[in-house]
Protein backbone atom coordinates (compact mmCIF):
# COMPACT_ATOMS: atom_id res chain seq x y z
CA MET A 1 -18.68 -8.83 -4.16
CA ASN A 2 -18.19 -5.50 -5.92
CA LEU A 3 -14.55 -4.88 -6.28
CA GLY A 4 -14.77 -1.37 -4.99
CA LEU A 5 -16.49 -2.73 -1.77
CA PHE A 6 -13.89 -5.37 -1.51
CA VAL A 7 -10.90 -2.71 -1.79
CA VAL A 8 -12.55 -0.36 0.79
CA SER A 9 -13.35 -3.63 3.20
CA SER A 10 -9.36 -4.54 2.71
CA LEU A 11 -8.28 -0.85 3.53
CA ILE A 12 -10.12 -1.17 7.05
CA PHE A 13 -7.35 -2.92 8.23
CA VAL A 14 -4.39 -0.75 7.39
CA THR A 15 -3.02 1.98 9.77
CA THR A 16 -1.37 5.23 9.00
CA CYS A 17 2.27 5.80 8.39
CA GLU A 18 4.71 6.67 11.07
CA ALA A 19 6.25 10.09 10.91
CA ASN A 20 9.79 8.85 9.64
CA GLY A 21 8.11 6.86 6.81
CA PRO A 22 7.38 8.13 3.08
CA ARG A 23 4.67 10.64 2.81
CA THR A 24 4.41 11.57 -0.91
CA VAL A 25 3.62 9.67 -4.07
CA ARG A 26 7.36 10.24 -5.08
CA GLU A 27 8.71 9.11 -1.90
CA VAL A 28 6.45 5.83 -1.85
CA GLU A 29 7.39 5.45 -5.34
CA SER A 30 11.29 5.72 -4.58
CA LEU A 31 10.98 3.30 -1.62
CA ILE A 32 9.34 0.74 -3.91
CA ARG A 33 11.87 1.19 -6.73
CA GLU A 34 14.98 0.83 -4.20
CA ASN A 35 13.48 -1.99 -2.41
CA LEU A 36 10.89 -3.89 -4.07
CA PRO A 37 11.87 -4.97 -7.37
CA VAL A 38 9.59 -7.01 -9.66
CA GLY A 39 9.85 -10.60 -8.55
CA SER A 40 9.98 -9.88 -4.86
CA ASP A 41 7.83 -12.24 -2.90
CA ARG A 42 4.82 -10.83 -0.87
CA VAL A 43 6.49 -11.50 2.44
CA ARG A 44 9.02 -9.07 1.62
CA VAL A 45 6.55 -6.44 0.27
CA ILE A 46 4.70 -6.65 3.56
CA GLN A 47 7.99 -6.52 5.63
CA VAL A 48 9.30 -3.56 3.78
CA LEU A 49 5.92 -1.78 4.24
CA SER A 50 5.76 -2.62 7.87
CA ASP A 51 9.34 -1.64 8.69
CA ARG A 52 8.41 1.89 7.46
CA GLY A 53 5.18 1.96 9.58
CA ILE A 54 2.77 1.25 6.70
CA ALA A 55 0.31 -1.62 7.76
CA THR A 56 -1.08 -3.72 4.72
CA SER A 57 -4.22 -5.63 4.38
CA GLY A 58 -1.96 -8.57 4.24
CA LEU A 59 -2.41 -10.83 1.01
CA GLN A 60 -6.12 -11.10 -0.32
CA ALA A 61 -6.03 -14.77 -1.02
CA ARG A 62 -8.73 -14.38 -3.75
CA SER A 63 -7.19 -11.82 -5.65
CA GLY A 64 -3.43 -12.17 -4.98
CA THR A 65 -3.20 -8.45 -3.94
CA VAL A 66 -1.71 -6.39 -1.07
CA TYR A 67 -3.45 -3.14 -0.27
CA ALA A 68 -1.67 -0.49 1.59
CA ILE A 69 -2.66 3.33 2.60
CA ILE A 70 -0.75 6.35 4.17
CA ARG A 71 -3.57 8.34 5.66
CA THR A 72 -1.28 11.57 6.65
CA THR A 73 0.57 12.74 3.75
CA ALA A 74 2.86 15.65 2.96
CA GLY A 75 -0.19 17.42 1.08
CA GLY A 76 -2.47 17.99 3.97
CA PRO A 77 -3.84 16.83 7.09
CA GLN A 78 -5.17 13.49 7.78
CA SER A 79 -8.83 14.27 6.49
CA GLU A 80 -7.77 15.71 3.27
CA SER A 81 -5.52 13.34 1.31
CA ALA A 82 -3.93 9.61 1.38
CA ILE A 83 -1.69 7.62 -0.67
CA ALA A 84 -3.07 4.28 -1.68
CA MET A 85 -1.09 1.26 -2.80
CA GLU A 86 -1.78 -1.82 -4.57
CA PHE A 87 0.81 -4.61 -4.94
CA PHE A 88 -0.23 -7.34 -7.67
CA PHE A 89 1.51 -10.71 -7.34
CA ASP A 90 1.63 -14.08 -9.49
CA GLU A 91 0.17 -17.30 -8.62
CA GLY A 92 3.75 -18.13 -7.14
CA GLY A 93 3.65 -15.08 -4.78
CA ARG A 94 6.06 -13.02 -6.90
CA LEU A 95 5.41 -9.25 -7.36
CA LEU A 96 4.27 -8.62 -10.88
CA ARG A 97 3.30 -4.74 -10.57
CA HIS A 98 2.40 -2.14 -8.27
CA GLU A 99 0.05 0.96 -8.30
CA VAL A 100 0.56 4.17 -6.13
CA ARG A 101 -1.83 7.08 -6.33
CA GLU A 102 -2.91 10.00 -4.11
CA VAL A 103 -6.46 9.63 -3.27
CA PRO A 104 -8.85 11.86 -1.33
CA ALA A 105 -9.07 10.44 2.47
CA ARG A 106 -12.31 9.89 3.56
CA PRO A 107 -12.92 9.97 7.33
């Protein structure tokens, strides 16, 4: 399966951020820095995101990656921008690194 298609299909399962959750890349990075240090387990990552209204794809067993997205950002209406997150884990389920980026939202 094409990785791009895999990521897109994984993101189908995520929902938008609640009004009180982070709405900028800077706020998301701050949330991760303060709550999810390297070595955090995947259950903690999913819980921290969920507690802020950010649904995730859950663990993708094949890749060991958790995907999340915030579709409504401070930068524009839902249809203009989104914040995509990827969390990468080792074989033991511990966080190795993450990536956060603003992307064009697609309806």
